[in-house]
Amino acid sequence: MCTNYRRTKGFDEIGQDFREVRIPLRFPEPHMAPNLEPQSEIRPTDRAIVLRPRDDGVELTWMRWGLLPFFYKGPIKGWKAATFNARAEGVKTAASFREPFKRRRCLIAAEGWVEWKGEGKPKPKFFVAPRDAAPICLAGLWDRATTLDAGEVESFTMVTQPPGALSDLHDRAPVVLRQENWGRWLDPDRPVDDLLATEPPNLFRIRPFHEVSGALL
C-alpha cells in the first residue's frame, strides 16, 4: 500500500507545469489563487490537492484522501474499507472504483512518495521520486458521496501497480504519470491500460527521507 506522499509545489508552479503541456489551470483563477502551504507528508484521511477536468483545462481542488464511493450514505467514520489505494488490476471491476475509473479520473499533485524498509522502530524512511526531477502527478480517481454526518464529501484514491524495479522496496507502487500523459489520463474516452503497466528500471531515485524532509523539491 502507498500511504504517504509529498507535495511542495505552490499554485504558480503547478499552473506552469500544466501550461507546458497546454492544459490550462482554469479554476481557481489567478486572482483567487489559494496559499498552498507545502505538505511534506500526506497521509490517508488528510485533505490534499487533486486536479480534475474542467471544460478546456483543469480545476485544482482539495479532497479527502480515502475514497468514499457515491453509493455510501453513512457517517464518514463508518466507512471501514481501505480505499486510499486502488489496485490497477481491479479498477475496472471493483465496486468502489469502476465508475470513478470510467468517468472521474484525476491527477494527484505530488513530487514523490515515501516507503519504509529495514530494521528498527521506527523503520527507516525513504523518498522515491523521478531521477530526472521531471514534473509528475500520481494517477487518481475521485468520487462524491453524501454522508450522514458531513453532508457532501469529495474524496480520492491513488491508483497503484506492481512495483517493477522497485520490488526491493515495496510490493506496490503508485502509478506515476509524466506530463505527456496527464491529458490522456483525464480523458474518459481515451484508453489508458498502457499507463497502468509496470514502470521501467532506472526511472526513480531512492533517498533517505531525512535528505529531503526539510527541502522544497
N, C-alpha and C. Protein backbone atom coordinates (compact mmCIF):
# COMPACT_ATOMS: atom_id res chain seq x y z
N MET A 1 0.83 -1.20 0.00
CA MET A 1 0.00 0.00 0.00
C MET A 1 0.87 1.25 0.00
N CYS A 2 0.37 2.31 -0.58
CA CYS A 2 1.06 3.59 -0.59
C CYS A 2 0.29 4.54 0.33
N THR A 3 0.90 4.91 1.43
CA THR A 3 0.18 5.64 2.47
C THR A 3 0.82 6.97 2.83
N ASN A 4 1.78 7.44 2.04
CA ASN A 4 2.46 8.67 2.40
C ASN A 4 3.11 9.24 1.14
N TYR A 5 2.78 10.47 0.79
CA TYR A 5 3.43 11.10 -0.35
C TYR A 5 3.66 12.58 -0.06
N ARG A 6 4.28 13.28 -0.99
CA ARG A 6 4.77 14.64 -0.73
C ARG A 6 4.36 15.58 -1.86
N ARG A 7 3.89 16.77 -1.46
CA ARG A 7 3.59 17.84 -2.43
C ARG A 7 4.08 19.16 -1.85
N THR A 8 5.04 19.77 -2.52
CA THR A 8 5.59 21.03 -2.03
C THR A 8 5.37 22.19 -2.99
N LYS A 9 4.97 21.91 -4.22
CA LYS A 9 4.79 22.98 -5.20
C LYS A 9 3.60 23.86 -4.84
N GLY A 10 3.75 25.15 -5.15
CA GLY A 10 2.68 26.10 -4.94
C GLY A 10 1.80 26.23 -6.17
N PHE A 11 0.80 27.11 -6.06
CA PHE A 11 -0.19 27.28 -7.12
C PHE A 11 0.47 27.67 -8.44
N ASP A 12 1.38 28.63 -8.43
CA ASP A 12 2.00 29.10 -9.67
C ASP A 12 2.82 28.00 -10.34
N GLU A 13 3.55 27.23 -9.53
CA GLU A 13 4.37 26.15 -10.10
C GLU A 13 3.50 25.06 -10.72
N ILE A 14 2.43 24.71 -10.05
CA ILE A 14 1.52 23.70 -10.60
C ILE A 14 0.91 24.21 -11.90
N GLY A 15 0.47 25.47 -11.90
CA GLY A 15 -0.10 26.04 -13.11
C GLY A 15 0.88 26.05 -14.27
N GLN A 16 2.15 26.36 -13.99
CA GLN A 16 3.16 26.37 -15.05
C GLN A 16 3.40 24.98 -15.61
N ASP A 17 3.42 23.97 -14.74
CA ASP A 17 3.60 22.60 -15.22
C ASP A 17 2.51 22.21 -16.21
N PHE A 18 1.28 22.64 -15.95
CA PHE A 18 0.17 22.30 -16.84
C PHE A 18 0.20 23.13 -18.11
N ARG A 19 0.60 24.38 -18.01
CA ARG A 19 0.70 25.20 -19.22
C ARG A 19 1.73 24.64 -20.19
N GLU A 20 2.77 24.02 -19.67
CA GLU A 20 3.82 23.46 -20.53
C GLU A 20 3.28 22.36 -21.44
N VAL A 21 2.20 21.73 -21.04
CA VAL A 21 1.60 20.69 -21.90
C VAL A 21 0.24 21.14 -22.42
N ARG A 22 0.02 22.44 -22.41
CA ARG A 22 -1.18 23.05 -22.99
C ARG A 22 -2.46 22.54 -22.33
N ILE A 23 -2.40 22.39 -21.03
CA ILE A 23 -3.59 22.09 -20.23
C ILE A 23 -3.72 23.22 -19.22
N PRO A 24 -4.45 24.26 -19.53
CA PRO A 24 -4.50 25.43 -18.65
C PRO A 24 -5.24 25.14 -17.35
N LEU A 25 -4.76 25.77 -16.30
CA LEU A 25 -5.42 25.70 -15.00
C LEU A 25 -6.53 26.75 -14.99
N ARG A 26 -7.78 26.31 -15.16
CA ARG A 26 -8.91 27.22 -15.34
C ARG A 26 -9.53 27.71 -14.04
N PHE A 27 -9.43 26.90 -12.98
CA PHE A 27 -10.05 27.28 -11.72
C PHE A 27 -9.21 26.71 -10.58
N PRO A 28 -8.95 27.51 -9.55
CA PRO A 28 -9.36 28.90 -9.42
C PRO A 28 -8.55 29.82 -10.33
N GLU A 29 -9.12 30.97 -10.63
CA GLU A 29 -8.42 31.94 -11.44
C GLU A 29 -7.27 32.54 -10.64
N PRO A 30 -6.24 33.08 -11.33
CA PRO A 30 -5.05 33.56 -10.64
C PRO A 30 -5.33 34.53 -9.49
N HIS A 31 -6.31 35.42 -9.65
CA HIS A 31 -6.57 36.38 -8.57
C HIS A 31 -7.24 35.73 -7.37
N MET A 32 -7.69 34.47 -7.53
CA MET A 32 -8.29 33.74 -6.42
C MET A 32 -7.36 32.62 -5.94
N ALA A 33 -6.10 32.66 -6.34
CA ALA A 33 -5.17 31.56 -6.06
C ALA A 33 -5.05 31.32 -4.56
N PRO A 34 -5.19 30.08 -4.14
CA PRO A 34 -5.04 29.76 -2.72
C PRO A 34 -3.57 29.75 -2.31
N ASN A 35 -3.34 29.92 -1.03
CA ASN A 35 -1.99 29.82 -0.48
C ASN A 35 -1.71 28.35 -0.17
N LEU A 36 -0.98 27.71 -1.04
CA LEU A 36 -0.75 26.27 -0.91
C LEU A 36 0.50 26.02 -0.08
N GLU A 37 0.34 25.85 1.21
CA GLU A 37 1.46 25.52 2.06
C GLU A 37 2.00 24.14 1.68
N PRO A 38 3.33 23.95 1.68
CA PRO A 38 3.88 22.64 1.36
C PRO A 38 3.36 21.57 2.32
N GLN A 39 3.11 20.40 1.77
CA GLN A 39 2.71 19.24 2.56
C GLN A 39 3.82 18.19 2.42
N SER A 40 4.70 18.13 3.40
CA SER A 40 5.86 17.25 3.29
C SER A 40 5.48 15.79 3.41
N GLU A 41 4.40 15.48 4.14
CA GLU A 41 3.93 14.11 4.25
C GLU A 41 2.40 14.13 4.29
N ILE A 42 1.79 13.56 3.27
CA ILE A 42 0.33 13.49 3.18
C ILE A 42 -0.06 12.04 3.45
N ARG A 43 -1.02 11.88 4.37
CA ARG A 43 -1.42 10.55 4.81
C ARG A 43 -2.91 10.35 4.58
N PRO A 44 -3.38 9.09 4.55
CA PRO A 44 -4.81 8.84 4.39
C PRO A 44 -5.65 9.62 5.38
N THR A 45 -6.77 10.12 4.91
CA THR A 45 -7.76 11.00 5.55
C THR A 45 -7.34 12.46 5.54
N ASP A 46 -6.07 12.78 5.19
CA ASP A 46 -5.68 14.18 5.02
C ASP A 46 -6.39 14.77 3.81
N ARG A 47 -6.54 16.10 3.82
CA ARG A 47 -7.01 16.79 2.63
C ARG A 47 -5.81 17.18 1.79
N ALA A 48 -5.93 16.95 0.50
CA ALA A 48 -4.80 17.19 -0.39
C ALA A 48 -5.31 17.68 -1.74
N ILE A 49 -4.37 18.11 -2.57
CA ILE A 49 -4.71 18.73 -3.85
C ILE A 49 -4.82 17.70 -4.95
N VAL A 50 -5.91 17.76 -5.69
CA VAL A 50 -6.06 16.98 -6.91
C VAL A 50 -6.50 17.92 -8.02
N LEU A 51 -6.29 17.48 -9.25
CA LEU A 51 -6.69 18.25 -10.43
C LEU A 51 -7.59 17.37 -11.28
N ARG A 52 -8.72 17.93 -11.68
CA ARG A 52 -9.70 17.17 -12.46
C ARG A 52 -10.14 18.00 -13.67
N PRO A 53 -10.67 17.34 -14.70
CA PRO A 53 -11.03 18.07 -15.92
C PRO A 53 -12.10 19.12 -15.68
N ARG A 54 -11.97 20.22 -16.42
CA ARG A 54 -12.97 21.29 -16.37
C ARG A 54 -12.93 22.01 -17.72
N ASP A 55 -13.99 21.83 -18.51
CA ASP A 55 -14.05 22.47 -19.83
C ASP A 55 -12.78 22.18 -20.61
N ASP A 56 -12.01 23.23 -20.96
CA ASP A 56 -10.80 23.03 -21.76
C ASP A 56 -9.54 23.13 -20.92
N GLY A 57 -9.62 22.74 -19.68
CA GLY A 57 -8.46 22.78 -18.80
C GLY A 57 -8.70 21.91 -17.59
N VAL A 58 -8.11 22.30 -16.46
CA VAL A 58 -8.27 21.54 -15.23
C VAL A 58 -8.66 22.47 -14.09
N GLU A 59 -9.26 21.86 -13.09
CA GLU A 59 -9.64 22.53 -11.85
C GLU A 59 -8.79 21.99 -10.72
N LEU A 60 -8.21 22.88 -9.93
CA LEU A 60 -7.46 22.49 -8.74
C LEU A 60 -8.40 22.54 -7.55
N THR A 61 -8.46 21.45 -6.81
CA THR A 61 -9.36 21.42 -5.67
C THR A 61 -8.77 20.57 -4.55
N TRP A 62 -9.31 20.74 -3.34
CA TRP A 62 -8.90 19.93 -2.19
C TRP A 62 -9.90 18.80 -2.00
N MET A 63 -9.38 17.62 -1.70
CA MET A 63 -10.23 16.47 -1.41
C MET A 63 -9.63 15.65 -0.28
N ARG A 64 -10.47 14.83 0.31
CA ARG A 64 -10.04 13.90 1.36
C ARG A 64 -9.41 12.68 0.72
N TRP A 65 -8.24 12.26 1.24
CA TRP A 65 -7.60 11.06 0.72
C TRP A 65 -8.21 9.83 1.39
N GLY A 66 -8.84 9.01 0.59
CA GLY A 66 -9.56 7.83 1.06
C GLY A 66 -10.95 7.89 0.45
N LEU A 67 -11.15 7.22 -0.67
CA LEU A 67 -12.36 7.40 -1.46
C LEU A 67 -13.61 6.87 -0.76
N LEU A 68 -14.61 7.74 -0.67
CA LEU A 68 -15.96 7.36 -0.25
C LEU A 68 -16.81 7.26 -1.51
N PRO A 69 -17.25 6.07 -1.90
CA PRO A 69 -17.99 5.93 -3.15
C PRO A 69 -19.35 6.60 -3.10
N PHE A 70 -19.86 6.93 -4.26
CA PHE A 70 -21.11 7.69 -4.38
C PHE A 70 -22.27 6.99 -3.70
N PHE A 71 -22.22 5.67 -3.61
CA PHE A 71 -23.36 4.93 -3.05
C PHE A 71 -23.33 4.87 -1.52
N TYR A 72 -22.27 5.38 -0.90
CA TYR A 72 -22.19 5.31 0.56
C TYR A 72 -22.97 6.46 1.18
N LYS A 73 -23.83 6.17 2.15
CA LYS A 73 -24.70 7.18 2.76
C LYS A 73 -24.51 7.32 4.27
N GLY A 74 -23.58 6.58 4.85
CA GLY A 74 -23.40 6.60 6.30
C GLY A 74 -22.46 7.71 6.75
N PRO A 75 -22.06 7.70 8.02
CA PRO A 75 -21.09 8.67 8.53
C PRO A 75 -19.70 8.37 7.98
N ILE A 76 -18.85 9.39 7.93
CA ILE A 76 -17.51 9.21 7.36
C ILE A 76 -16.76 8.09 8.08
N LYS A 77 -16.76 8.13 9.40
CA LYS A 77 -16.01 7.12 10.15
C LYS A 77 -16.63 5.73 10.07
N GLY A 78 -17.84 5.66 9.54
CA GLY A 78 -18.46 4.36 9.36
C GLY A 78 -17.95 3.59 8.17
N TRP A 79 -17.23 4.27 7.27
CA TRP A 79 -16.68 3.60 6.10
C TRP A 79 -15.35 2.96 6.50
N LYS A 80 -15.27 1.65 6.51
CA LYS A 80 -14.11 0.94 7.03
C LYS A 80 -13.19 0.38 5.94
N ALA A 81 -13.62 0.37 4.72
CA ALA A 81 -12.79 -0.20 3.66
C ALA A 81 -11.57 0.69 3.41
N ALA A 82 -10.43 0.06 3.12
CA ALA A 82 -9.19 0.80 2.86
C ALA A 82 -9.15 1.24 1.40
N THR A 83 -9.82 2.33 1.10
CA THR A 83 -9.94 2.79 -0.29
C THR A 83 -9.04 3.98 -0.57
N PHE A 84 -7.95 4.12 0.17
CA PHE A 84 -6.99 5.18 -0.16
C PHE A 84 -6.09 4.75 -1.32
N ASN A 85 -6.02 3.44 -1.59
CA ASN A 85 -5.34 2.91 -2.77
C ASN A 85 -6.33 2.10 -3.60
N ALA A 86 -6.15 2.14 -4.92
CA ALA A 86 -6.95 1.33 -5.84
C ALA A 86 -5.98 0.53 -6.70
N ARG A 87 -6.04 -0.78 -6.60
CA ARG A 87 -5.14 -1.62 -7.38
C ARG A 87 -5.49 -1.50 -8.87
N ALA A 88 -4.48 -1.22 -9.68
CA ALA A 88 -4.71 -1.04 -11.12
C ALA A 88 -5.37 -2.27 -11.73
N GLU A 89 -5.05 -3.44 -11.20
CA GLU A 89 -5.61 -4.67 -11.75
C GLU A 89 -7.12 -4.78 -11.53
N GLY A 90 -7.68 -3.98 -10.61
CA GLY A 90 -9.09 -4.12 -10.30
C GLY A 90 -9.93 -2.87 -10.48
N VAL A 91 -9.37 -1.80 -11.03
CA VAL A 91 -10.13 -0.55 -11.11
C VAL A 91 -11.35 -0.65 -12.04
N LYS A 92 -11.31 -1.57 -12.98
CA LYS A 92 -12.44 -1.68 -13.91
C LYS A 92 -13.59 -2.50 -13.34
N THR A 93 -13.35 -3.24 -12.28
CA THR A 93 -14.37 -4.15 -11.76
C THR A 93 -14.75 -3.91 -10.31
N ALA A 94 -13.88 -3.34 -9.49
CA ALA A 94 -14.19 -3.15 -8.08
C ALA A 94 -15.35 -2.18 -7.90
N ALA A 95 -16.28 -2.51 -7.02
CA ALA A 95 -17.50 -1.71 -6.86
C ALA A 95 -17.20 -0.25 -6.53
N SER A 96 -16.20 -0.01 -5.72
CA SER A 96 -15.90 1.37 -5.30
C SER A 96 -15.19 2.18 -6.37
N PHE A 97 -14.57 1.50 -7.36
CA PHE A 97 -13.69 2.20 -8.28
C PHE A 97 -14.14 2.19 -9.74
N ARG A 98 -15.01 1.26 -10.14
CA ARG A 98 -15.28 1.12 -11.58
C ARG A 98 -15.93 2.36 -12.18
N GLU A 99 -16.88 3.00 -11.47
CA GLU A 99 -17.49 4.21 -12.02
C GLU A 99 -16.51 5.38 -12.02
N PRO A 100 -15.77 5.63 -10.92
CA PRO A 100 -14.75 6.68 -11.00
C PRO A 100 -13.73 6.45 -12.10
N PHE A 101 -13.35 5.19 -12.33
CA PHE A 101 -12.38 4.93 -13.40
C PHE A 101 -12.96 5.30 -14.76
N LYS A 102 -14.24 5.03 -14.96
CA LYS A 102 -14.88 5.35 -16.24
C LYS A 102 -15.06 6.85 -16.43
N ARG A 103 -15.39 7.58 -15.35
CA ARG A 103 -15.88 8.95 -15.52
C ARG A 103 -15.15 10.00 -14.68
N ARG A 104 -14.42 9.59 -13.65
CA ARG A 104 -13.89 10.59 -12.71
C ARG A 104 -12.43 10.31 -12.37
N ARG A 105 -11.59 10.35 -13.40
CA ARG A 105 -10.15 10.25 -13.16
C ARG A 105 -9.62 11.62 -12.75
N CYS A 106 -8.58 11.61 -11.96
CA CYS A 106 -7.96 12.88 -11.55
C CYS A 106 -6.45 12.69 -11.45
N LEU A 107 -5.76 13.80 -11.28
CA LEU A 107 -4.32 13.81 -11.09
C LEU A 107 -4.01 14.28 -9.67
N ILE A 108 -3.17 13.55 -8.99
CA ILE A 108 -2.78 13.90 -7.62
C ILE A 108 -1.48 14.68 -7.69
N ALA A 109 -1.49 15.91 -7.20
CA ALA A 109 -0.29 16.74 -7.21
C ALA A 109 0.73 16.15 -6.24
N ALA A 110 1.92 15.86 -6.75
CA ALA A 110 2.94 15.21 -5.93
C ALA A 110 4.30 15.37 -6.61
N GLU A 111 5.36 15.22 -5.81
CA GLU A 111 6.71 15.13 -6.37
C GLU A 111 7.34 13.77 -6.11
N GLY A 112 6.74 12.99 -5.23
CA GLY A 112 7.27 11.67 -4.91
C GLY A 112 6.52 11.09 -3.73
N TRP A 113 6.96 9.91 -3.30
CA TRP A 113 6.25 9.25 -2.20
C TRP A 113 7.26 8.59 -1.25
N VAL A 114 6.74 8.16 -0.11
CA VAL A 114 7.57 7.64 0.98
C VAL A 114 7.33 6.14 1.14
N GLU A 115 8.40 5.40 1.37
CA GLU A 115 8.31 3.98 1.73
C GLU A 115 9.22 3.71 2.93
N TRP A 116 8.94 2.61 3.61
CA TRP A 116 9.72 2.20 4.77
C TRP A 116 10.39 0.87 4.47
N LYS A 117 11.67 0.74 4.88
CA LYS A 117 12.37 -0.52 4.67
C LYS A 117 13.51 -0.61 5.68
N GLY A 118 13.75 -1.84 6.17
CA GLY A 118 14.87 -2.06 7.05
C GLY A 118 14.43 -2.41 8.46
N GLU A 119 15.40 -2.39 9.37
CA GLU A 119 15.16 -2.76 10.75
C GLU A 119 15.06 -1.52 11.63
N GLY A 120 14.48 -1.73 12.80
CA GLY A 120 14.41 -0.65 13.78
C GLY A 120 12.99 -0.18 13.97
N LYS A 121 12.79 0.56 15.04
CA LYS A 121 11.49 1.16 15.36
C LYS A 121 11.72 2.64 15.63
N PRO A 122 11.20 3.50 14.75
CA PRO A 122 10.51 3.15 13.51
C PRO A 122 11.48 2.68 12.42
N LYS A 123 10.92 2.03 11.40
CA LYS A 123 11.74 1.61 10.27
C LYS A 123 12.28 2.84 9.52
N PRO A 124 13.45 2.71 8.90
CA PRO A 124 13.98 3.81 8.09
C PRO A 124 13.01 4.19 6.97
N LYS A 125 12.91 5.49 6.72
CA LYS A 125 12.03 6.01 5.67
C LYS A 125 12.85 6.42 4.46
N PHE A 126 12.27 6.18 3.29
CA PHE A 126 12.92 6.55 2.04
C PHE A 126 11.96 7.33 1.16
N PHE A 127 12.53 8.25 0.40
CA PHE A 127 11.74 9.07 -0.52
C PHE A 127 12.04 8.64 -1.94
N VAL A 128 10.97 8.40 -2.72
CA VAL A 128 11.10 7.92 -4.10
C VAL A 128 10.57 9.02 -5.03
N ALA A 129 11.37 9.41 -6.01
CA ALA A 129 10.98 10.46 -6.94
C ALA A 129 11.70 10.22 -8.27
N PRO A 130 11.23 10.84 -9.36
CA PRO A 130 11.90 10.65 -10.65
C PRO A 130 13.38 11.05 -10.58
N ARG A 131 14.21 10.25 -11.18
CA ARG A 131 15.64 10.51 -11.17
C ARG A 131 15.98 11.83 -11.86
N ASP A 132 15.20 12.19 -12.89
CA ASP A 132 15.50 13.42 -13.63
C ASP A 132 14.76 14.64 -13.09
N ALA A 133 14.03 14.48 -11.96
CA ALA A 133 13.29 15.57 -11.32
C ALA A 133 12.22 16.17 -12.23
N ALA A 134 11.77 15.41 -13.23
CA ALA A 134 10.72 15.90 -14.13
C ALA A 134 9.40 16.03 -13.37
N PRO A 135 8.54 16.97 -13.79
CA PRO A 135 7.22 17.09 -13.15
C PRO A 135 6.41 15.82 -13.33
N ILE A 136 5.73 15.42 -12.28
CA ILE A 136 4.87 14.25 -12.33
C ILE A 136 3.55 14.56 -11.61
N CYS A 137 2.57 13.73 -11.84
CA CYS A 137 1.40 13.61 -10.99
C CYS A 137 1.19 12.12 -10.76
N LEU A 138 0.47 11.78 -9.71
CA LEU A 138 0.10 10.39 -9.46
C LEU A 138 -1.31 10.16 -9.97
N ALA A 139 -1.56 9.00 -10.52
CA ALA A 139 -2.87 8.69 -11.08
C ALA A 139 -3.89 8.52 -9.95
N GLY A 140 -5.02 9.21 -10.08
CA GLY A 140 -6.05 9.13 -9.05
C GLY A 140 -7.44 8.97 -9.64
N LEU A 141 -8.37 8.61 -8.78
CA LEU A 141 -9.79 8.56 -9.08
C LEU A 141 -10.50 9.32 -7.97
N TRP A 142 -11.60 10.01 -8.31
CA TRP A 142 -12.31 10.74 -7.27
C TRP A 142 -13.80 10.40 -7.32
N ASP A 143 -14.48 10.71 -6.23
CA ASP A 143 -15.92 10.48 -6.17
C ASP A 143 -16.54 11.47 -5.19
N ARG A 144 -17.85 11.51 -5.20
CA ARG A 144 -18.61 12.43 -4.34
C ARG A 144 -19.70 11.62 -3.64
N ALA A 145 -19.69 11.67 -2.31
CA ALA A 145 -20.68 10.94 -1.52
C ALA A 145 -21.43 11.91 -0.62
N THR A 146 -22.68 11.62 -0.33
CA THR A 146 -23.46 12.40 0.62
C THR A 146 -23.49 11.62 1.94
N THR A 147 -22.70 12.08 2.90
CA THR A 147 -22.54 11.35 4.15
C THR A 147 -23.57 11.80 5.18
N LEU A 148 -23.74 10.96 6.19
CA LEU A 148 -24.74 11.22 7.22
C LEU A 148 -24.34 12.36 8.13
N ASP A 149 -23.03 12.52 8.36
CA ASP A 149 -22.58 13.50 9.34
C ASP A 149 -21.95 14.75 8.75
N ALA A 150 -21.38 14.66 7.55
CA ALA A 150 -20.67 15.81 6.97
C ALA A 150 -21.27 16.28 5.66
N GLY A 151 -22.40 15.74 5.28
CA GLY A 151 -23.01 16.15 4.02
C GLY A 151 -22.18 15.66 2.83
N GLU A 152 -22.09 16.50 1.81
CA GLU A 152 -21.39 16.11 0.59
C GLU A 152 -19.88 16.13 0.81
N VAL A 153 -19.24 15.03 0.47
CA VAL A 153 -17.79 14.90 0.64
C VAL A 153 -17.18 14.42 -0.67
N GLU A 154 -16.18 15.15 -1.14
CA GLU A 154 -15.41 14.72 -2.30
C GLU A 154 -14.11 14.09 -1.81
N SER A 155 -13.77 12.96 -2.38
CA SER A 155 -12.60 12.22 -1.91
C SER A 155 -11.92 11.54 -3.09
N PHE A 156 -10.69 11.06 -2.84
CA PHE A 156 -9.94 10.45 -3.95
C PHE A 156 -9.16 9.24 -3.46
N THR A 157 -8.73 8.44 -4.44
CA THR A 157 -7.86 7.31 -4.18
C THR A 157 -6.68 7.36 -5.12
N MET A 158 -5.58 6.76 -4.71
CA MET A 158 -4.36 6.68 -5.51
C MET A 158 -4.30 5.32 -6.19
N VAL A 159 -4.11 5.30 -7.49
CA VAL A 159 -4.01 4.04 -8.23
C VAL A 159 -2.59 3.48 -8.06
N THR A 160 -2.49 2.19 -7.73
CA THR A 160 -1.19 1.55 -7.54
C THR A 160 -1.05 0.37 -8.49
N GLN A 161 0.19 -0.05 -8.67
CA GLN A 161 0.52 -1.11 -9.61
C GLN A 161 1.64 -1.97 -9.02
N PRO A 162 1.96 -3.12 -9.63
CA PRO A 162 3.14 -3.88 -9.20
C PRO A 162 4.39 -3.00 -9.28
N PRO A 163 5.37 -3.23 -8.42
CA PRO A 163 6.47 -2.27 -8.25
C PRO A 163 7.55 -2.31 -9.31
N GLY A 164 7.62 -3.37 -10.11
CA GLY A 164 8.66 -3.42 -11.13
C GLY A 164 10.05 -3.31 -10.51
N ALA A 165 10.82 -2.33 -10.97
CA ALA A 165 12.20 -2.16 -10.50
C ALA A 165 12.28 -1.76 -9.02
N LEU A 166 11.16 -1.40 -8.42
CA LEU A 166 11.15 -1.00 -7.01
C LEU A 166 10.74 -2.15 -6.09
N SER A 167 10.80 -3.37 -6.58
CA SER A 167 10.30 -4.51 -5.81
C SER A 167 11.10 -4.74 -4.53
N ASP A 168 12.35 -4.32 -4.48
CA ASP A 168 13.14 -4.47 -3.25
C ASP A 168 12.66 -3.53 -2.16
N LEU A 169 11.93 -2.50 -2.54
CA LEU A 169 11.48 -1.51 -1.58
C LEU A 169 10.08 -1.80 -1.05
N HIS A 170 9.17 -2.22 -1.96
CA HIS A 170 7.79 -2.49 -1.55
C HIS A 170 7.13 -3.34 -2.62
N ASP A 171 5.97 -3.92 -2.28
CA ASP A 171 5.29 -4.79 -3.26
C ASP A 171 4.27 -4.05 -4.11
N ARG A 172 4.10 -2.73 -3.88
CA ARG A 172 3.24 -1.90 -4.71
C ARG A 172 3.92 -0.55 -4.93
N ALA A 173 3.50 0.15 -5.97
CA ALA A 173 4.00 1.49 -6.25
C ALA A 173 2.88 2.32 -6.86
N PRO A 174 2.86 3.63 -6.64
CA PRO A 174 1.85 4.46 -7.31
C PRO A 174 2.05 4.44 -8.82
N VAL A 175 0.96 4.65 -9.54
CA VAL A 175 1.06 4.86 -10.98
C VAL A 175 1.50 6.31 -11.19
N VAL A 176 2.71 6.46 -11.71
CA VAL A 176 3.31 7.78 -11.90
C VAL A 176 3.08 8.23 -13.33
N LEU A 177 2.55 9.43 -13.50
CA LEU A 177 2.23 9.95 -14.82
C LEU A 177 3.14 11.14 -15.15
N ARG A 178 3.85 11.02 -16.25
CA ARG A 178 4.64 12.14 -16.77
C ARG A 178 3.71 13.13 -17.46
N GLN A 179 4.23 14.33 -17.69
CA GLN A 179 3.40 15.40 -18.25
C GLN A 179 2.70 15.01 -19.54
N GLU A 180 3.38 14.29 -20.41
CA GLU A 180 2.78 13.98 -21.71
C GLU A 180 1.57 13.06 -21.59
N ASN A 181 1.37 12.47 -20.42
CA ASN A 181 0.23 11.56 -20.24
C ASN A 181 -0.87 12.13 -19.35
N TRP A 182 -0.71 13.34 -18.86
CA TRP A 182 -1.73 13.92 -17.98
C TRP A 182 -3.07 14.06 -18.69
N GLY A 183 -3.05 14.62 -19.89
CA GLY A 183 -4.29 14.84 -20.62
C GLY A 183 -5.01 13.54 -20.94
N ARG A 184 -4.26 12.52 -21.30
CA ARG A 184 -4.87 11.23 -21.65
C ARG A 184 -5.52 10.59 -20.42
N TRP A 185 -4.85 10.66 -19.28
CA TRP A 185 -5.44 10.07 -18.07
C TRP A 185 -6.76 10.75 -17.72
N LEU A 186 -6.85 12.04 -17.94
CA LEU A 186 -8.06 12.78 -17.57
C LEU A 186 -9.21 12.60 -18.56
N ASP A 187 -8.94 12.06 -19.73
CA ASP A 187 -9.96 11.93 -20.77
C ASP A 187 -10.62 10.55 -20.67
N PRO A 188 -11.89 10.48 -20.26
CA PRO A 188 -12.53 9.18 -20.08
C PRO A 188 -12.74 8.42 -21.38
N ASP A 189 -12.58 9.09 -22.51
CA ASP A 189 -12.80 8.43 -23.79
C ASP A 189 -11.52 7.85 -24.40
N ARG A 190 -10.40 8.03 -23.70
CA ARG A 190 -9.14 7.53 -24.25
C ARG A 190 -8.64 6.33 -23.45
N PRO A 191 -8.05 5.35 -24.12
CA PRO A 191 -7.54 4.16 -23.41
C PRO A 191 -6.31 4.51 -22.59
N VAL A 192 -6.21 3.89 -21.42
CA VAL A 192 -5.08 4.18 -20.53
C VAL A 192 -4.44 2.90 -19.98
N ASP A 193 -4.80 1.75 -20.54
CA ASP A 193 -4.26 0.50 -20.00
C ASP A 193 -2.73 0.50 -19.98
N ASP A 194 -2.12 1.08 -21.00
CA ASP A 194 -0.65 1.06 -21.05
C ASP A 194 -0.03 1.91 -19.95
N LEU A 195 -0.79 2.89 -19.42
CA LEU A 195 -0.28 3.72 -18.34
C LEU A 195 -0.26 2.98 -17.01
N LEU A 196 -0.96 1.86 -16.95
CA LEU A 196 -1.03 1.07 -15.73
C LEU A 196 -0.02 -0.07 -15.74
N ALA A 197 0.90 -0.04 -16.69
CA ALA A 197 1.93 -1.07 -16.78
C ALA A 197 3.06 -0.78 -15.80
N THR A 198 3.84 -1.79 -15.49
CA THR A 198 4.96 -1.65 -14.57
C THR A 198 5.97 -0.63 -15.09
N GLU A 199 6.50 0.17 -14.18
CA GLU A 199 7.47 1.21 -14.56
C GLU A 199 8.78 0.57 -15.04
N PRO A 200 9.46 1.21 -16.01
CA PRO A 200 10.76 0.70 -16.45
C PRO A 200 11.83 0.92 -15.39
N PRO A 201 12.94 0.17 -15.47
CA PRO A 201 14.02 0.35 -14.49
C PRO A 201 14.71 1.69 -14.64
N ASN A 202 15.40 2.09 -13.58
CA ASN A 202 16.25 3.29 -13.57
C ASN A 202 15.47 4.59 -13.74
N LEU A 203 14.16 4.55 -13.52
CA LEU A 203 13.37 5.77 -13.65
C LEU A 203 13.39 6.60 -12.38
N PHE A 204 13.53 5.93 -11.22
CA PHE A 204 13.40 6.63 -9.95
C PHE A 204 14.70 6.65 -9.16
N ARG A 205 14.77 7.65 -8.30
CA ARG A 205 15.87 7.77 -7.35
C ARG A 205 15.31 7.57 -5.95
N ILE A 206 15.98 6.77 -5.15
CA ILE A 206 15.55 6.49 -3.78
C ILE A 206 16.56 7.10 -2.83
N ARG A 207 16.08 7.97 -1.93
CA ARG A 207 16.95 8.63 -0.97
C ARG A 207 16.39 8.49 0.44
N PRO A 208 17.25 8.50 1.46
CA PRO A 208 16.74 8.57 2.82
C PRO A 208 15.86 9.81 2.98
N PHE A 209 14.73 9.65 3.65
CA PHE A 209 13.76 10.75 3.72
C PHE A 209 14.34 11.98 4.39
N HIS A 210 15.24 11.80 5.33
CA HIS A 210 15.79 12.97 6.03
C HIS A 210 16.56 13.90 5.09
N GLU A 211 17.01 13.38 3.95
CA GLU A 211 17.74 14.22 3.00
C GLU A 211 16.84 15.23 2.31
N VAL A 212 15.54 14.94 2.25
CA VAL A 212 14.62 15.83 1.54
C VAL A 212 13.56 16.42 2.44
N SER A 213 13.47 15.96 3.68
CA SER A 213 12.34 16.33 4.55
C SER A 213 12.28 17.82 4.83
N GLY A 214 13.41 18.51 4.76
CA GLY A 214 13.38 19.94 5.03
C GLY A 214 13.52 20.79 3.79
N ALA A 215 13.52 20.16 2.62
CA ALA A 215 13.78 20.90 1.39
C ALA A 215 12.56 20.95 0.50
N LEU A 216 12.46 22.00 -0.27
CA LEU A 216 11.45 22.09 -1.32
C LEU A 216 12.05 21.49 -2.57
N LEU A 217 11.37 20.46 -3.09
CA LEU A 217 11.96 19.75 -4.24
C LEU A 217 11.70 20.51 -5.53
